[in-house]
């Protein structure tokens, strides 16, 4: 099981910022319904769902050779939560920060998501979700309009950043739903 990593899925080069303006046609989530004060609880609730997913007996099975397993998606969600905490802190501590680029596909291969312990990932995801949720809970109304910029130039306020973030783990629960 420690041989070559599985085939990487095709790179996801979509600019997902469109989810801020329309309902996701795949998972059905509407980010316009998200209010900043609710984001912490949404993150915590989502993390609870991931605990169930990561305990499934088929957690390592890929539905197709080029589609991540539930474990790989769980690792990705854990890392997104960690990354967004760093980015949120940058937005709150600096004026108009530019986030360093993150290659999610390279991380999955380099960190060998396919070999991770599902129980460890579940625990780490819970910790990452709690830290990010707590930080969002502490955002004040005055901070909601602070800005930050992704490496491709996409701009966010703390409020739009929160809505954009929440879609990711929700969408990935849709990705790993039983088919």
N, C-alpha and C. Protein backbone atom coordinates (compact mmCIF):
# COMPACT_ATOMS: atom_id res chain seq x y z
N UNK A 1 0.81 -1.19 0.00
CA UNK A 1 0.00 0.00 0.00
C UNK A 1 0.86 1.27 0.00
N UNK A 2 2.15 1.15 0.08
CA UNK A 2 3.00 2.34 0.09
C UNK A 2 3.69 2.56 -1.24
N UNK A 3 3.19 1.94 -2.30
CA UNK A 3 3.78 2.10 -3.63
C UNK A 3 3.53 3.48 -4.20
N UNK A 4 3.39 3.50 -5.50
CA UNK A 4 3.15 4.76 -6.19
C UNK A 4 1.80 5.35 -5.77
N UNK A 5 1.75 6.68 -5.70
CA UNK A 5 0.45 7.28 -5.41
C UNK A 5 -0.53 7.02 -6.55
N UNK A 6 -1.82 7.00 -6.25
CA UNK A 6 -2.79 6.80 -7.31
C UNK A 6 -2.75 7.96 -8.30
N UNK A 7 -3.32 7.74 -9.44
CA UNK A 7 -3.37 8.78 -10.47
C UNK A 7 -4.03 10.03 -9.92
N UNK A 8 -3.44 11.15 -10.21
CA UNK A 8 -4.04 12.42 -9.79
C UNK A 8 -5.25 12.70 -10.67
N UNK A 9 -6.31 13.19 -10.06
CA UNK A 9 -7.45 13.61 -10.88
C UNK A 9 -7.02 14.74 -11.81
N UNK A 10 -7.77 14.96 -12.87
CA UNK A 10 -7.44 16.10 -13.73
C UNK A 10 -7.46 17.38 -12.88
N UNK A 11 -6.54 18.30 -13.12
CA UNK A 11 -6.51 19.53 -12.32
C UNK A 11 -7.84 20.26 -12.39
N UNK A 12 -8.27 20.75 -11.26
CA UNK A 12 -9.50 21.54 -11.21
C UNK A 12 -9.11 22.99 -11.42
N UNK A 13 -9.26 23.45 -12.64
CA UNK A 13 -8.83 24.81 -12.96
C UNK A 13 -10.01 25.77 -13.07
N UNK A 14 -11.17 25.36 -12.55
CA UNK A 14 -12.33 26.24 -12.54
C UNK A 14 -12.09 27.38 -11.55
N UNK A 15 -12.59 28.54 -11.86
CA UNK A 15 -12.59 29.65 -10.92
C UNK A 15 -13.91 29.57 -10.16
N UNK A 16 -13.88 28.95 -9.01
CA UNK A 16 -15.08 28.67 -8.24
C UNK A 16 -15.71 29.91 -7.60
N UNK A 17 -15.13 31.09 -7.81
CA UNK A 17 -15.73 32.28 -7.21
C UNK A 17 -17.15 32.55 -7.72
N UNK A 18 -17.52 31.93 -8.83
CA UNK A 18 -18.89 32.09 -9.33
C UNK A 18 -19.92 31.62 -8.32
N UNK A 19 -19.53 30.76 -7.37
CA UNK A 19 -20.51 30.30 -6.37
C UNK A 19 -20.99 31.43 -5.48
N UNK A 20 -20.29 32.56 -5.52
CA UNK A 20 -20.75 33.72 -4.76
C UNK A 20 -21.93 34.41 -5.44
N UNK A 21 -22.14 34.11 -6.71
CA UNK A 21 -23.19 34.79 -7.48
C UNK A 21 -24.34 33.90 -7.92
N UNK A 22 -24.17 32.59 -7.79
CA UNK A 22 -25.24 31.69 -8.23
C UNK A 22 -25.21 30.39 -7.43
N UNK A 23 -26.32 29.70 -7.45
CA UNK A 23 -26.44 28.41 -6.78
C UNK A 23 -25.55 27.40 -7.49
N UNK A 24 -24.85 26.57 -6.74
CA UNK A 24 -24.01 25.54 -7.34
C UNK A 24 -24.92 24.52 -8.02
N UNK A 25 -24.77 24.31 -9.33
CA UNK A 25 -25.64 23.37 -10.03
C UNK A 25 -25.37 21.92 -9.66
N UNK A 26 -24.23 21.63 -9.08
CA UNK A 26 -23.92 20.25 -8.70
C UNK A 26 -24.49 19.92 -7.32
N UNK A 27 -24.04 20.64 -6.29
CA UNK A 27 -24.45 20.29 -4.92
C UNK A 27 -25.70 21.03 -4.47
N UNK A 28 -26.09 22.09 -5.21
CA UNK A 28 -27.30 22.83 -4.89
C UNK A 28 -27.15 23.87 -3.80
N UNK A 29 -25.93 24.09 -3.31
CA UNK A 29 -25.73 25.05 -2.22
C UNK A 29 -25.80 26.48 -2.75
N UNK A 30 -26.49 27.33 -1.99
CA UNK A 30 -26.66 28.74 -2.35
C UNK A 30 -25.93 29.59 -1.32
N UNK A 31 -24.76 30.11 -1.70
CA UNK A 31 -23.95 30.89 -0.75
C UNK A 31 -24.62 32.20 -0.37
N UNK A 32 -25.59 32.67 -1.17
CA UNK A 32 -26.25 33.94 -0.83
C UNK A 32 -27.09 33.82 0.43
N UNK A 33 -27.36 32.60 0.87
CA UNK A 33 -28.15 32.39 2.09
C UNK A 33 -27.29 32.39 3.35
N UNK A 34 -25.98 32.52 3.19
CA UNK A 34 -25.06 32.41 4.32
C UNK A 34 -24.85 33.79 4.95
N UNK A 35 -25.09 33.86 6.25
CA UNK A 35 -24.80 35.07 7.02
C UNK A 35 -23.55 34.82 7.83
N UNK A 36 -22.66 35.80 7.87
CA UNK A 36 -21.38 35.66 8.55
C UNK A 36 -21.50 35.12 9.98
N UNK A 37 -22.46 35.58 10.78
CA UNK A 37 -22.55 35.04 12.15
C UNK A 37 -22.87 33.54 12.22
N UNK A 38 -23.35 32.97 11.12
CA UNK A 38 -23.70 31.54 11.10
C UNK A 38 -22.57 30.64 10.63
N UNK A 39 -21.49 31.22 10.12
CA UNK A 39 -20.43 30.44 9.48
C UNK A 39 -19.75 29.48 10.45
N UNK A 40 -19.47 29.91 11.67
CA UNK A 40 -18.82 29.02 12.64
C UNK A 40 -19.63 27.76 12.87
N UNK A 41 -20.93 27.91 13.10
CA UNK A 41 -21.77 26.74 13.32
C UNK A 41 -21.87 25.87 12.07
N UNK A 42 -21.87 26.49 10.90
CA UNK A 42 -21.91 25.71 9.66
C UNK A 42 -20.65 24.87 9.51
N UNK A 43 -19.51 25.44 9.84
CA UNK A 43 -18.24 24.69 9.76
C UNK A 43 -18.25 23.53 10.74
N UNK A 44 -18.71 23.78 11.96
CA UNK A 44 -18.75 22.70 12.97
C UNK A 44 -19.70 21.58 12.54
N UNK A 45 -20.86 21.94 12.03
CA UNK A 45 -21.84 20.95 11.59
C UNK A 45 -21.27 20.10 10.44
N UNK A 46 -20.61 20.76 9.51
CA UNK A 46 -20.01 20.05 8.39
C UNK A 46 -18.94 19.07 8.88
N UNK A 47 -18.12 19.50 9.84
CA UNK A 47 -17.08 18.63 10.38
C UNK A 47 -17.68 17.38 11.01
N UNK A 48 -18.84 17.52 11.62
CA UNK A 48 -19.52 16.35 12.19
C UNK A 48 -19.90 15.36 11.09
N UNK A 49 -20.37 15.87 9.97
CA UNK A 49 -20.70 14.99 8.84
C UNK A 49 -19.46 14.26 8.33
N UNK A 50 -18.32 14.96 8.31
CA UNK A 50 -17.09 14.34 7.83
C UNK A 50 -16.64 13.20 8.74
N UNK A 51 -16.99 13.26 10.02
CA UNK A 51 -16.63 12.18 10.93
C UNK A 51 -17.30 10.88 10.48
N UNK A 52 -18.55 10.99 10.07
CA UNK A 52 -19.28 9.81 9.58
C UNK A 52 -18.67 9.29 8.27
N UNK A 53 -18.35 10.22 7.38
CA UNK A 53 -17.77 9.83 6.09
C UNK A 53 -16.44 9.11 6.30
N UNK A 54 -15.61 9.66 7.17
CA UNK A 54 -14.27 9.09 7.37
C UNK A 54 -14.28 7.78 8.15
N UNK A 55 -15.43 7.41 8.69
CA UNK A 55 -15.58 6.13 9.39
C UNK A 55 -16.17 5.04 8.48
N UNK A 56 -16.50 5.39 7.25
CA UNK A 56 -17.09 4.41 6.34
C UNK A 56 -16.08 3.33 5.98
N UNK A 57 -16.54 2.09 5.80
CA UNK A 57 -15.61 1.02 5.43
C UNK A 57 -14.98 1.20 4.05
N UNK A 58 -15.64 1.96 3.18
CA UNK A 58 -15.13 2.16 1.83
C UNK A 58 -14.35 3.48 1.69
N UNK A 59 -13.89 4.03 2.78
CA UNK A 59 -13.29 5.37 2.79
C UNK A 59 -12.10 5.51 1.84
N UNK A 60 -11.38 4.42 1.59
CA UNK A 60 -10.21 4.48 0.71
C UNK A 60 -10.52 4.18 -0.76
N UNK A 61 -11.75 3.77 -1.04
CA UNK A 61 -12.11 3.37 -2.40
C UNK A 61 -12.38 4.58 -3.27
N UNK A 62 -11.76 4.60 -4.42
CA UNK A 62 -12.05 5.64 -5.41
C UNK A 62 -13.21 5.17 -6.27
N UNK A 63 -14.20 6.04 -6.51
CA UNK A 63 -15.32 5.63 -7.37
C UNK A 63 -14.89 5.45 -8.82
N UNK A 64 -13.87 6.17 -9.22
CA UNK A 64 -13.25 6.05 -10.54
C UNK A 64 -11.75 6.28 -10.32
N UNK A 65 -10.90 5.74 -11.18
CA UNK A 65 -9.45 5.90 -10.96
C UNK A 65 -8.97 7.35 -10.85
N UNK A 66 -9.68 8.27 -11.49
CA UNK A 66 -9.24 9.66 -11.46
C UNK A 66 -10.14 10.55 -10.60
N UNK A 67 -10.88 9.95 -9.66
CA UNK A 67 -11.70 10.70 -8.70
C UNK A 67 -11.25 10.32 -7.30
N UNK A 68 -11.01 11.31 -6.48
CA UNK A 68 -10.54 11.07 -5.12
C UNK A 68 -11.49 10.18 -4.33
N UNK A 69 -10.92 9.44 -3.41
CA UNK A 69 -11.68 8.67 -2.43
C UNK A 69 -12.23 9.63 -1.37
N UNK A 70 -13.14 9.12 -0.55
CA UNK A 70 -13.65 9.93 0.57
C UNK A 70 -12.51 10.34 1.50
N UNK A 71 -11.54 9.46 1.70
CA UNK A 71 -10.38 9.80 2.53
C UNK A 71 -9.60 10.96 1.93
N UNK A 72 -9.35 10.90 0.63
CA UNK A 72 -8.60 11.98 -0.02
C UNK A 72 -9.36 13.30 0.04
N UNK A 73 -10.68 13.25 -0.16
CA UNK A 73 -11.48 14.46 -0.01
C UNK A 73 -11.44 14.96 1.43
N UNK A 74 -11.48 14.04 2.39
CA UNK A 74 -11.40 14.44 3.80
C UNK A 74 -10.09 15.13 4.12
N UNK A 75 -8.99 14.61 3.58
CA UNK A 75 -7.69 15.26 3.75
C UNK A 75 -7.71 16.67 3.15
N UNK A 76 -8.30 16.77 1.96
CA UNK A 76 -8.39 18.06 1.29
C UNK A 76 -9.19 19.05 2.15
N UNK A 77 -10.33 18.63 2.67
CA UNK A 77 -11.16 19.51 3.49
C UNK A 77 -10.39 19.93 4.74
N UNK A 78 -9.71 19.00 5.38
CA UNK A 78 -8.88 19.34 6.55
C UNK A 78 -7.88 20.44 6.18
N UNK A 79 -7.20 20.26 5.04
CA UNK A 79 -6.19 21.22 4.64
C UNK A 79 -6.79 22.55 4.22
N UNK A 80 -7.97 22.53 3.61
CA UNK A 80 -8.66 23.78 3.27
C UNK A 80 -8.99 24.55 4.55
N UNK A 81 -9.49 23.85 5.56
CA UNK A 81 -9.82 24.51 6.82
C UNK A 81 -8.57 25.14 7.44
N UNK A 82 -7.48 24.43 7.41
CA UNK A 82 -6.22 24.98 7.95
C UNK A 82 -5.77 26.20 7.14
N UNK A 83 -5.81 26.08 5.82
CA UNK A 83 -5.38 27.16 4.95
C UNK A 83 -6.25 28.39 5.13
N UNK A 84 -7.55 28.20 5.22
CA UNK A 84 -8.45 29.34 5.34
C UNK A 84 -8.31 30.03 6.69
N UNK A 85 -7.89 29.33 7.71
CA UNK A 85 -7.60 30.00 8.98
C UNK A 85 -6.42 30.95 8.79
N UNK A 86 -5.38 30.49 8.11
CA UNK A 86 -4.22 31.35 7.84
C UNK A 86 -4.65 32.55 7.00
N UNK A 87 -5.44 32.31 5.97
CA UNK A 87 -5.87 33.40 5.10
C UNK A 87 -6.78 34.38 5.85
N UNK A 88 -7.67 33.86 6.68
CA UNK A 88 -8.53 34.73 7.47
C UNK A 88 -7.69 35.60 8.40
N UNK A 89 -6.72 34.99 9.06
CA UNK A 89 -5.84 35.76 9.95
C UNK A 89 -5.11 36.85 9.16
N UNK A 90 -4.65 36.54 7.96
CA UNK A 90 -3.99 37.56 7.13
C UNK A 90 -4.94 38.72 6.84
N UNK A 91 -6.17 38.40 6.50
CA UNK A 91 -7.15 39.44 6.18
C UNK A 91 -7.44 40.32 7.39
N UNK A 92 -7.44 39.71 8.57
CA UNK A 92 -7.77 40.46 9.78
C UNK A 92 -6.57 41.24 10.33
N UNK A 93 -5.37 40.78 10.01
CA UNK A 93 -4.16 41.40 10.56
C UNK A 93 -3.47 42.37 9.61
N UNK A 94 -3.72 42.23 8.31
CA UNK A 94 -3.03 43.06 7.31
C UNK A 94 -4.06 43.76 6.43
N UNK A 95 -3.63 44.83 5.82
CA UNK A 95 -4.49 45.52 4.87
C UNK A 95 -4.28 44.93 3.48
N UNK A 96 -5.34 44.33 2.93
CA UNK A 96 -5.31 43.81 1.56
C UNK A 96 -4.21 42.81 1.27
N UNK A 97 -4.04 41.78 2.12
CA UNK A 97 -2.98 40.82 1.85
C UNK A 97 -3.24 40.00 0.59
N UNK A 98 -2.15 39.53 0.00
CA UNK A 98 -2.21 38.60 -1.12
C UNK A 98 -1.80 37.24 -0.57
N UNK A 99 -2.67 36.24 -0.76
CA UNK A 99 -2.40 34.91 -0.22
C UNK A 99 -1.39 34.19 -1.08
N UNK A 100 -0.51 33.44 -0.45
CA UNK A 100 0.38 32.58 -1.25
C UNK A 100 -0.45 31.54 -1.99
N UNK A 101 0.02 31.13 -3.16
CA UNK A 101 -0.67 30.11 -3.94
C UNK A 101 -0.61 28.76 -3.22
N UNK A 102 -1.64 27.95 -3.42
CA UNK A 102 -1.67 26.59 -2.89
C UNK A 102 -2.13 25.67 -4.00
N UNK A 103 -1.31 24.67 -4.30
CA UNK A 103 -1.66 23.68 -5.31
C UNK A 103 -2.25 22.47 -4.60
N UNK A 104 -3.57 22.38 -4.60
CA UNK A 104 -4.25 21.30 -3.89
C UNK A 104 -3.91 19.93 -4.46
N UNK A 105 -3.71 19.85 -5.75
CA UNK A 105 -3.42 18.56 -6.37
C UNK A 105 -2.02 18.09 -6.01
N UNK A 106 -1.07 19.00 -6.03
CA UNK A 106 0.31 18.67 -5.64
C UNK A 106 0.36 18.24 -4.18
N UNK A 107 -0.38 18.92 -3.33
CA UNK A 107 -0.42 18.57 -1.91
C UNK A 107 -0.95 17.16 -1.71
N UNK A 108 -1.99 16.81 -2.45
CA UNK A 108 -2.57 15.47 -2.32
C UNK A 108 -1.57 14.38 -2.66
N UNK A 109 -0.77 14.62 -3.69
CA UNK A 109 0.22 13.63 -4.11
C UNK A 109 1.42 13.63 -3.16
N UNK A 110 1.95 14.81 -2.88
CA UNK A 110 3.14 14.93 -2.04
C UNK A 110 2.88 14.40 -0.63
N UNK A 111 1.73 14.74 -0.07
CA UNK A 111 1.41 14.32 1.30
C UNK A 111 0.81 12.92 1.36
N UNK A 112 0.62 12.30 0.20
CA UNK A 112 0.08 10.94 0.13
C UNK A 112 -1.24 10.80 0.89
N UNK A 113 -2.19 11.62 0.49
CA UNK A 113 -3.52 11.55 1.07
C UNK A 113 -4.05 10.13 1.10
N UNK A 114 -3.72 9.36 0.08
CA UNK A 114 -4.24 8.00 -0.04
C UNK A 114 -3.75 7.07 1.07
N UNK A 115 -2.66 7.44 1.74
CA UNK A 115 -2.10 6.60 2.79
C UNK A 115 -2.42 7.08 4.20
N UNK A 116 -3.12 8.18 4.32
CA UNK A 116 -3.42 8.74 5.64
C UNK A 116 -4.35 7.83 6.43
N UNK A 117 -4.24 7.93 7.74
CA UNK A 117 -5.15 7.21 8.63
C UNK A 117 -6.48 7.94 8.68
N UNK A 118 -7.58 7.27 8.33
CA UNK A 118 -8.89 7.95 8.37
C UNK A 118 -9.21 8.50 9.77
N UNK A 119 -8.87 7.75 10.81
CA UNK A 119 -9.14 8.23 12.18
C UNK A 119 -8.33 9.47 12.50
N UNK A 120 -7.07 9.51 12.07
CA UNK A 120 -6.23 10.69 12.30
C UNK A 120 -6.77 11.88 11.52
N UNK A 121 -7.17 11.65 10.29
CA UNK A 121 -7.71 12.74 9.47
C UNK A 121 -9.00 13.27 10.10
N UNK A 122 -9.85 12.38 10.59
CA UNK A 122 -11.09 12.80 11.24
C UNK A 122 -10.79 13.69 12.45
N UNK A 123 -9.83 13.29 13.25
CA UNK A 123 -9.46 14.08 14.43
C UNK A 123 -8.87 15.43 14.02
N UNK A 124 -7.98 15.41 13.02
CA UNK A 124 -7.34 16.66 12.57
C UNK A 124 -8.35 17.60 11.92
N UNK A 125 -9.29 17.04 11.19
CA UNK A 125 -10.33 17.85 10.56
C UNK A 125 -11.18 18.53 11.64
N UNK A 126 -11.50 17.80 12.70
CA UNK A 126 -12.28 18.37 13.79
C UNK A 126 -11.55 19.53 14.45
N UNK A 127 -10.27 19.36 14.69
CA UNK A 127 -9.47 20.42 15.31
C UNK A 127 -9.39 21.63 14.38
N UNK A 128 -9.14 21.40 13.10
CA UNK A 128 -9.04 22.49 12.14
C UNK A 128 -10.38 23.22 12.02
N UNK A 129 -11.48 22.48 11.99
CA UNK A 129 -12.81 23.09 11.90
C UNK A 129 -13.10 23.93 13.13
N UNK A 130 -12.77 23.41 14.30
CA UNK A 130 -13.03 24.16 15.54
C UNK A 130 -12.24 25.47 15.56
N UNK A 131 -10.98 25.41 15.16
CA UNK A 131 -10.15 26.61 15.17
C UNK A 131 -10.69 27.66 14.20
N UNK A 132 -11.05 27.24 12.99
CA UNK A 132 -11.57 28.19 12.01
C UNK A 132 -12.94 28.70 12.43
N UNK A 133 -13.79 27.82 12.91
CA UNK A 133 -15.13 28.23 13.35
C UNK A 133 -15.04 29.25 14.48
N UNK A 134 -14.17 28.97 15.44
CA UNK A 134 -14.00 29.90 16.57
C UNK A 134 -13.51 31.26 16.08
N UNK A 135 -12.61 31.26 15.11
CA UNK A 135 -12.10 32.53 14.60
C UNK A 135 -13.18 33.30 13.86
N UNK A 136 -13.99 32.59 13.06
CA UNK A 136 -15.10 33.27 12.41
C UNK A 136 -16.10 33.80 13.43
N UNK A 137 -16.32 33.07 14.52
CA UNK A 137 -17.23 33.54 15.56
C UNK A 137 -16.78 34.86 16.17
N UNK A 138 -15.49 35.12 16.15
CA UNK A 138 -14.96 36.33 16.78
C UNK A 138 -14.87 37.53 15.83
N UNK A 139 -15.20 37.34 14.55
CA UNK A 139 -15.14 38.44 13.59
C UNK A 139 -16.23 39.46 13.94
N UNK A 140 -15.82 40.71 13.99
CA UNK A 140 -16.76 41.79 14.30
C UNK A 140 -17.38 42.35 13.03
N UNK A 141 -18.45 43.10 13.19
CA UNK A 141 -19.08 43.75 12.03
C UNK A 141 -18.09 44.66 11.31
N UNK A 142 -17.24 45.33 12.07
CA UNK A 142 -16.25 46.23 11.46
C UNK A 142 -15.21 45.47 10.62
N UNK A 143 -14.97 44.21 10.95
CA UNK A 143 -13.98 43.42 10.23
C UNK A 143 -14.54 42.72 9.00
N UNK A 144 -15.85 42.63 8.88
CA UNK A 144 -16.49 41.87 7.80
C UNK A 144 -16.12 42.38 6.41
N UNK A 145 -15.79 43.64 6.29
CA UNK A 145 -15.46 44.22 5.00
C UNK A 145 -13.98 44.26 4.67
N UNK A 146 -13.14 43.75 5.57
CA UNK A 146 -11.70 43.71 5.29
C UNK A 146 -11.46 42.83 4.07
N UNK A 147 -10.40 43.14 3.32
CA UNK A 147 -10.18 42.45 2.05
C UNK A 147 -8.91 41.62 2.03
N UNK A 148 -8.89 40.69 1.07
CA UNK A 148 -7.72 39.87 0.78
C UNK A 148 -7.79 39.43 -0.66
N UNK A 149 -6.65 39.01 -1.20
CA UNK A 149 -6.57 38.68 -2.62
C UNK A 149 -5.89 37.32 -2.82
N UNK A 150 -6.53 36.50 -3.62
CA UNK A 150 -5.96 35.21 -4.01
C UNK A 150 -4.84 35.46 -5.01
N UNK A 151 -3.96 34.48 -5.20
CA UNK A 151 -2.80 34.65 -6.09
C UNK A 151 -3.21 34.92 -7.54
N UNK A 152 -4.44 34.53 -7.93
CA UNK A 152 -4.91 34.81 -9.29
C UNK A 152 -5.59 36.17 -9.40
N UNK A 153 -5.60 36.92 -8.31
CA UNK A 153 -6.18 38.26 -8.31
C UNK A 153 -7.60 38.33 -7.80
N UNK A 154 -8.26 37.19 -7.59
CA UNK A 154 -9.63 37.22 -7.06
C UNK A 154 -9.63 37.93 -5.71
N UNK A 155 -10.58 38.83 -5.52
CA UNK A 155 -10.64 39.58 -4.27
C UNK A 155 -11.83 39.13 -3.43
N UNK A 156 -11.64 39.21 -2.14
CA UNK A 156 -12.67 38.80 -1.18
C UNK A 156 -12.73 39.82 -0.05
N UNK A 157 -13.92 39.96 0.52
CA UNK A 157 -14.05 40.56 1.84
C UNK A 157 -14.11 39.38 2.82
N UNK A 158 -14.00 39.66 4.09
CA UNK A 158 -14.14 38.58 5.07
C UNK A 158 -15.50 37.90 4.89
N UNK A 159 -16.54 38.69 4.65
CA UNK A 159 -17.88 38.12 4.49
C UNK A 159 -17.99 37.24 3.24
N UNK A 160 -17.46 37.70 2.09
CA UNK A 160 -17.54 36.88 0.88
C UNK A 160 -16.61 35.67 0.98
N UNK A 161 -15.47 35.86 1.63
CA UNK A 161 -14.52 34.78 1.87
C UNK A 161 -15.20 33.66 2.68
N UNK A 162 -15.98 34.05 3.68
CA UNK A 162 -16.69 33.07 4.52
C UNK A 162 -17.70 32.28 3.69
N UNK A 163 -18.44 32.99 2.83
CA UNK A 163 -19.44 32.31 2.00
C UNK A 163 -18.76 31.37 1.01
N UNK A 164 -17.66 31.83 0.42
CA UNK A 164 -16.90 31.03 -0.53
C UNK A 164 -16.35 29.77 0.15
N UNK A 165 -15.78 29.95 1.32
CA UNK A 165 -15.22 28.83 2.08
C UNK A 165 -16.28 27.78 2.39
N UNK A 166 -17.41 28.20 2.91
CA UNK A 166 -18.42 27.25 3.38
C UNK A 166 -18.86 26.31 2.25
N UNK A 167 -18.89 26.81 1.04
CA UNK A 167 -19.30 25.96 -0.08
C UNK A 167 -18.36 24.77 -0.24
N UNK A 168 -17.05 24.97 -0.05
CA UNK A 168 -16.08 23.92 -0.34
C UNK A 168 -16.34 22.62 0.42
N UNK A 169 -16.36 22.61 1.76
CA UNK A 169 -16.59 21.33 2.45
C UNK A 169 -18.00 20.78 2.25
N UNK A 170 -18.97 21.67 2.03
CA UNK A 170 -20.33 21.19 1.74
C UNK A 170 -20.35 20.50 0.38
N UNK A 171 -19.72 21.12 -0.60
CA UNK A 171 -19.66 20.54 -1.94
C UNK A 171 -18.94 19.18 -1.90
N UNK A 172 -17.88 19.09 -1.11
CA UNK A 172 -17.14 17.83 -1.08
C UNK A 172 -17.91 16.73 -0.35
N UNK A 173 -18.80 17.07 0.55
CA UNK A 173 -19.70 16.05 1.11
C UNK A 173 -20.60 15.52 0.00
N UNK A 174 -21.04 16.40 -0.88
CA UNK A 174 -21.81 15.97 -2.05
C UNK A 174 -20.97 15.06 -2.92
N UNK A 175 -19.67 15.40 -3.11
CA UNK A 175 -18.79 14.57 -3.94
C UNK A 175 -18.68 13.14 -3.42
N UNK A 176 -18.72 12.97 -2.09
CA UNK A 176 -18.50 11.63 -1.51
C UNK A 176 -19.79 10.94 -1.09
N UNK A 177 -20.91 11.50 -1.49
CA UNK A 177 -22.18 10.87 -1.15
C UNK A 177 -22.24 9.46 -1.73
N UNK A 178 -22.94 8.55 -1.08
CA UNK A 178 -23.10 7.22 -1.68
C UNK A 178 -23.84 7.35 -3.01
N UNK A 179 -23.38 6.63 -3.99
CA UNK A 179 -23.98 6.73 -5.33
C UNK A 179 -24.85 5.55 -5.63
